[in-house]
Amino acid sequence: QLATAFLAAGVTGEARLYEAIGREVYARAPTLKQPELLLLLRNLLAAPREACGAAVCRLFAEAARRFEALSASEIQCLASSYCLLTGLPPASAVAMRPVEVL
């Protein structure tokens, strides 16, 4: 459905498609439901930063604004997305490491 909508709007070419998606996500971030927000965030991390970087920042900001309302699984999903963005190991891997005693 999404591809059909973009074709109907005359958006062609990968770069233009990512830019159009980035603009739409940026504009709609405050109205997205939590699962949609987290799914878009995770998927847009693979998009070119120059096209979708602002949308990714907006989604992280929106998730932070809603943090108190997120479920434990949604927080885990958010943490996983953050790890993908920063290159940090997943939170589960960090939790499994032994703690060094100073």
N, C-alpha and C. Protein backbone atom coordinates (compact mmCIF):
# COMPACT_ATOMS: atom_id res chain seq x y z
N GLN A 1 0.82 -1.19 0.00
CA GLN A 1 0.00 0.00 0.00
C GLN A 1 0.86 1.25 0.00
N LEU A 2 1.94 1.21 0.78
CA LEU A 2 2.82 2.37 0.86
C LEU A 2 3.46 2.66 -0.49
N ALA A 3 3.95 1.61 -1.14
CA ALA A 3 4.59 1.81 -2.44
C ALA A 3 3.59 2.37 -3.44
N THR A 4 2.37 1.87 -3.43
CA THR A 4 1.33 2.37 -4.32
C THR A 4 1.05 3.84 -4.07
N ALA A 5 1.00 4.22 -2.81
CA ALA A 5 0.74 5.62 -2.46
C ALA A 5 1.85 6.52 -2.99
N PHE A 6 3.10 6.10 -2.84
CA PHE A 6 4.20 6.93 -3.33
C PHE A 6 4.23 6.98 -4.84
N LEU A 7 3.91 5.88 -5.50
CA LEU A 7 3.86 5.91 -6.96
C LEU A 7 2.74 6.82 -7.44
N ALA A 8 1.59 6.78 -6.77
CA ALA A 8 0.47 7.64 -7.14
C ALA A 8 0.81 9.12 -6.95
N ALA A 9 1.65 9.39 -5.95
CA ALA A 9 2.05 10.77 -5.69
C ALA A 9 3.18 11.21 -6.61
N GLY A 10 3.69 10.29 -7.43
CA GLY A 10 4.74 10.65 -8.37
C GLY A 10 6.14 10.61 -7.79
N VAL A 11 6.31 9.97 -6.66
CA VAL A 11 7.64 9.87 -6.05
C VAL A 11 8.33 8.65 -6.63
N THR A 12 9.43 8.88 -7.32
CA THR A 12 10.20 7.78 -7.88
C THR A 12 11.66 7.96 -7.52
N GLY A 13 12.39 6.90 -7.58
CA GLY A 13 13.81 6.96 -7.24
C GLY A 13 14.00 6.76 -5.76
N GLU A 14 15.01 5.99 -5.41
CA GLU A 14 15.23 5.62 -4.01
C GLU A 14 15.47 6.83 -3.12
N ALA A 15 16.34 7.75 -3.53
CA ALA A 15 16.66 8.91 -2.70
C ALA A 15 15.41 9.76 -2.44
N ARG A 16 14.65 10.01 -3.45
CA ARG A 16 13.43 10.82 -3.29
C ARG A 16 12.41 10.11 -2.42
N LEU A 17 12.35 8.79 -2.55
CA LEU A 17 11.42 8.01 -1.73
C LEU A 17 11.79 8.13 -0.25
N TYR A 18 13.07 7.94 0.08
CA TYR A 18 13.51 8.07 1.47
C TYR A 18 13.26 9.48 2.00
N GLU A 19 13.52 10.49 1.18
CA GLU A 19 13.27 11.87 1.61
C GLU A 19 11.79 12.10 1.90
N ALA A 20 10.93 11.57 1.04
CA ALA A 20 9.48 11.73 1.23
C ALA A 20 9.01 10.99 2.48
N ILE A 21 9.53 9.80 2.69
CA ILE A 21 9.18 9.05 3.90
C ILE A 21 9.66 9.81 5.13
N GLY A 22 10.89 10.30 5.09
CA GLY A 22 11.43 11.06 6.21
C GLY A 22 10.58 12.27 6.55
N ARG A 23 10.15 13.01 5.55
CA ARG A 23 9.30 14.19 5.78
C ARG A 23 7.97 13.81 6.42
N GLU A 24 7.36 12.75 5.90
CA GLU A 24 6.06 12.31 6.43
C GLU A 24 6.18 11.83 7.87
N VAL A 25 7.21 11.04 8.15
CA VAL A 25 7.40 10.54 9.51
C VAL A 25 7.67 11.70 10.46
N TYR A 26 8.49 12.65 10.03
CA TYR A 26 8.80 13.81 10.87
C TYR A 26 7.51 14.56 11.23
N ALA A 27 6.66 14.76 10.25
CA ALA A 27 5.43 15.51 10.47
C ALA A 27 4.42 14.74 11.33
N ARG A 28 4.39 13.43 11.20
CA ARG A 28 3.37 12.63 11.88
C ARG A 28 3.83 12.02 13.21
N ALA A 29 5.07 12.19 13.58
CA ALA A 29 5.62 11.55 14.78
C ALA A 29 4.74 11.76 16.02
N PRO A 30 4.24 12.96 16.29
CA PRO A 30 3.44 13.14 17.50
C PRO A 30 2.11 12.37 17.50
N THR A 31 1.63 11.98 16.34
CA THR A 31 0.33 11.31 16.27
C THR A 31 0.45 9.79 16.12
N LEU A 32 1.66 9.27 16.02
CA LEU A 32 1.84 7.83 15.85
C LEU A 32 1.56 7.08 17.15
N LYS A 33 1.01 5.89 17.02
CA LYS A 33 0.84 5.02 18.18
C LYS A 33 2.22 4.43 18.51
N GLN A 34 2.40 4.01 19.77
CA GLN A 34 3.70 3.50 20.19
C GLN A 34 4.26 2.40 19.29
N PRO A 35 3.48 1.35 18.97
CA PRO A 35 4.06 0.29 18.12
C PRO A 35 4.50 0.82 16.75
N GLU A 36 3.72 1.72 16.16
CA GLU A 36 4.09 2.30 14.87
C GLU A 36 5.36 3.12 14.99
N LEU A 37 5.44 3.93 16.03
CA LEU A 37 6.61 4.77 16.26
C LEU A 37 7.86 3.91 16.38
N LEU A 38 7.80 2.87 17.19
CA LEU A 38 8.97 2.02 17.41
C LEU A 38 9.35 1.23 16.16
N LEU A 39 8.37 0.77 15.41
CA LEU A 39 8.65 0.05 14.17
C LEU A 39 9.30 0.97 13.14
N LEU A 40 8.76 2.17 12.99
CA LEU A 40 9.36 3.13 12.05
C LEU A 40 10.77 3.50 12.48
N LEU A 41 10.95 3.70 13.76
CA LEU A 41 12.27 4.05 14.26
C LEU A 41 13.28 2.96 13.90
N ARG A 42 12.94 1.75 14.19
CA ARG A 42 13.85 0.64 13.90
C ARG A 42 14.15 0.53 12.41
N ASN A 43 13.14 0.67 11.58
CA ASN A 43 13.33 0.53 10.14
C ASN A 43 14.06 1.71 9.52
N LEU A 44 13.80 2.91 10.00
CA LEU A 44 14.46 4.09 9.42
C LEU A 44 15.94 4.17 9.77
N LEU A 45 16.37 3.41 10.75
CA LEU A 45 17.80 3.39 11.07
C LEU A 45 18.63 2.85 9.90
N ALA A 46 18.00 2.06 9.04
CA ALA A 46 18.69 1.51 7.88
C ALA A 46 18.65 2.45 6.67
N ALA A 47 17.85 3.50 6.75
CA ALA A 47 17.72 4.45 5.65
C ALA A 47 18.91 5.41 5.65
N PRO A 48 19.20 6.03 4.52
CA PRO A 48 20.30 7.00 4.47
C PRO A 48 20.06 8.15 5.46
N ARG A 49 21.08 8.46 6.25
CA ARG A 49 20.93 9.50 7.27
C ARG A 49 20.59 10.86 6.69
N GLU A 50 21.15 11.18 5.53
CA GLU A 50 20.86 12.49 4.94
C GLU A 50 19.39 12.63 4.55
N ALA A 51 18.72 11.52 4.31
CA ALA A 51 17.31 11.55 3.93
C ALA A 51 16.38 11.41 5.13
N CYS A 52 16.77 10.62 6.13
CA CYS A 52 15.86 10.30 7.23
C CYS A 52 16.41 10.61 8.61
N GLY A 53 17.58 11.20 8.70
CA GLY A 53 18.19 11.48 10.00
C GLY A 53 17.32 12.35 10.89
N ALA A 54 16.72 13.38 10.32
CA ALA A 54 15.86 14.26 11.12
C ALA A 54 14.63 13.52 11.63
N ALA A 55 14.09 12.63 10.81
CA ALA A 55 12.93 11.84 11.23
C ALA A 55 13.30 10.88 12.35
N VAL A 56 14.47 10.27 12.27
CA VAL A 56 14.93 9.37 13.32
C VAL A 56 15.09 10.15 14.63
N CYS A 57 15.69 11.32 14.56
CA CYS A 57 15.84 12.16 15.77
C CYS A 57 14.47 12.52 16.34
N ARG A 58 13.53 12.86 15.48
CA ARG A 58 12.19 13.21 15.93
C ARG A 58 11.50 12.02 16.59
N LEU A 59 11.69 10.82 16.04
CA LEU A 59 11.09 9.63 16.62
C LEU A 59 11.70 9.32 17.99
N PHE A 60 13.02 9.46 18.12
CA PHE A 60 13.65 9.25 19.43
C PHE A 60 13.13 10.29 20.43
N ALA A 61 13.00 11.54 20.01
CA ALA A 61 12.49 12.58 20.90
C ALA A 61 11.05 12.29 21.32
N GLU A 62 10.25 11.82 20.40
CA GLU A 62 8.86 11.49 20.72
C GLU A 62 8.79 10.29 21.67
N ALA A 63 9.65 9.30 21.45
CA ALA A 63 9.69 8.15 22.35
C ALA A 63 10.12 8.59 23.75
N ALA A 64 11.07 9.50 23.83
CA ALA A 64 11.52 10.01 25.14
C ALA A 64 10.38 10.76 25.83
N ARG A 65 9.61 11.52 25.07
CA ARG A 65 8.49 12.25 25.64
C ARG A 65 7.45 11.30 26.23
N ARG A 66 7.29 10.15 25.60
CA ARG A 66 6.29 9.18 26.03
C ARG A 66 6.85 8.09 26.95
N PHE A 67 8.09 8.21 27.36
CA PHE A 67 8.79 7.12 28.04
C PHE A 67 7.99 6.51 29.19
N GLU A 68 7.39 7.34 30.01
CA GLU A 68 6.64 6.83 31.17
C GLU A 68 5.46 5.94 30.77
N ALA A 69 4.95 6.12 29.57
CA ALA A 69 3.80 5.34 29.12
C ALA A 69 4.20 4.07 28.38
N LEU A 70 5.49 3.88 28.11
CA LEU A 70 5.95 2.70 27.37
C LEU A 70 5.94 1.46 28.26
N SER A 71 5.59 0.35 27.66
CA SER A 71 5.65 -0.94 28.38
C SER A 71 7.11 -1.40 28.43
N ALA A 72 7.36 -2.43 29.22
CA ALA A 72 8.72 -2.97 29.33
C ALA A 72 9.23 -3.47 27.98
N SER A 73 8.38 -4.12 27.21
CA SER A 73 8.81 -4.62 25.90
C SER A 73 9.07 -3.47 24.93
N GLU A 74 8.30 -2.38 25.04
CA GLU A 74 8.53 -1.22 24.18
C GLU A 74 9.83 -0.51 24.56
N ILE A 75 10.13 -0.47 25.85
CA ILE A 75 11.41 0.12 26.29
C ILE A 75 12.57 -0.74 25.78
N GLN A 76 12.42 -2.05 25.81
CA GLN A 76 13.45 -2.94 25.28
C GLN A 76 13.65 -2.69 23.79
N CYS A 77 12.56 -2.51 23.06
CA CYS A 77 12.64 -2.23 21.62
C CYS A 77 13.35 -0.90 21.38
N LEU A 78 13.02 0.10 22.17
CA LEU A 78 13.67 1.41 22.06
C LEU A 78 15.16 1.30 22.35
N ALA A 79 15.51 0.57 23.40
CA ALA A 79 16.92 0.37 23.75
C ALA A 79 17.66 -0.35 22.63
N SER A 80 17.02 -1.34 22.03
CA SER A 80 17.62 -2.08 20.93
C SER A 80 17.88 -1.17 19.74
N SER A 81 16.92 -0.29 19.44
CA SER A 81 17.09 0.66 18.34
C SER A 81 18.25 1.61 18.63
N TYR A 82 18.35 2.06 19.86
CA TYR A 82 19.44 2.95 20.25
C TYR A 82 20.78 2.24 20.08
N CYS A 83 20.84 0.98 20.45
CA CYS A 83 22.08 0.21 20.30
C CYS A 83 22.44 0.06 18.82
N LEU A 84 21.46 -0.16 17.97
CA LEU A 84 21.72 -0.24 16.53
C LEU A 84 22.29 1.08 16.01
N LEU A 85 21.74 2.19 16.48
CA LEU A 85 22.18 3.50 16.02
C LEU A 85 23.61 3.80 16.47
N THR A 86 23.92 3.49 17.71
CA THR A 86 25.20 3.86 18.29
C THR A 86 26.29 2.81 18.13
N GLY A 87 25.90 1.60 17.78
CA GLY A 87 26.88 0.54 17.66
C GLY A 87 27.20 -0.13 18.99
N LEU A 88 26.48 0.24 20.04
CA LEU A 88 26.66 -0.39 21.34
C LEU A 88 26.10 -1.81 21.31
N PRO A 89 26.61 -2.69 22.17
CA PRO A 89 26.03 -4.03 22.21
C PRO A 89 24.60 -3.96 22.72
N PRO A 90 23.77 -4.91 22.31
CA PRO A 90 22.37 -4.91 22.80
C PRO A 90 22.33 -4.96 24.32
N ALA A 91 21.29 -4.41 24.88
CA ALA A 91 21.15 -4.34 26.34
C ALA A 91 21.23 -5.72 26.97
N SER A 92 20.71 -6.74 26.30
CA SER A 92 20.75 -8.09 26.86
C SER A 92 22.19 -8.58 26.98
N ALA A 93 23.06 -8.21 26.04
CA ALA A 93 24.46 -8.62 26.10
C ALA A 93 25.18 -7.90 27.24
N VAL A 94 24.83 -6.65 27.48
CA VAL A 94 25.43 -5.88 28.56
C VAL A 94 25.02 -6.48 29.89
N ALA A 95 23.76 -6.86 30.02
CA ALA A 95 23.25 -7.42 31.27
C ALA A 95 23.90 -8.77 31.58
N MET A 96 24.34 -9.48 30.56
CA MET A 96 24.92 -10.80 30.76
C MET A 96 26.40 -10.75 31.15
N ARG A 97 27.07 -9.61 30.93
CA ARG A 97 28.49 -9.52 31.25
C ARG A 97 28.71 -9.49 32.74
N PRO A 98 29.79 -10.15 33.21
CA PRO A 98 30.08 -10.07 34.64
C PRO A 98 30.51 -8.66 35.03
N VAL A 99 30.18 -8.28 36.22
CA VAL A 99 30.53 -6.96 36.74
C VAL A 99 31.91 -7.03 37.34
N GLU A 100 32.76 -6.09 36.97
CA GLU A 100 34.12 -6.05 37.52
C GLU A 100 34.09 -5.40 38.90
N VAL A 101 34.79 -5.96 39.82
CA VAL A 101 34.90 -5.41 41.17
C VAL A 101 36.14 -4.55 41.22
N LEU A 102 35.97 -3.32 41.67
CA LEU A 102 37.11 -2.40 41.76
C LEU A 102 37.86 -2.57 43.04
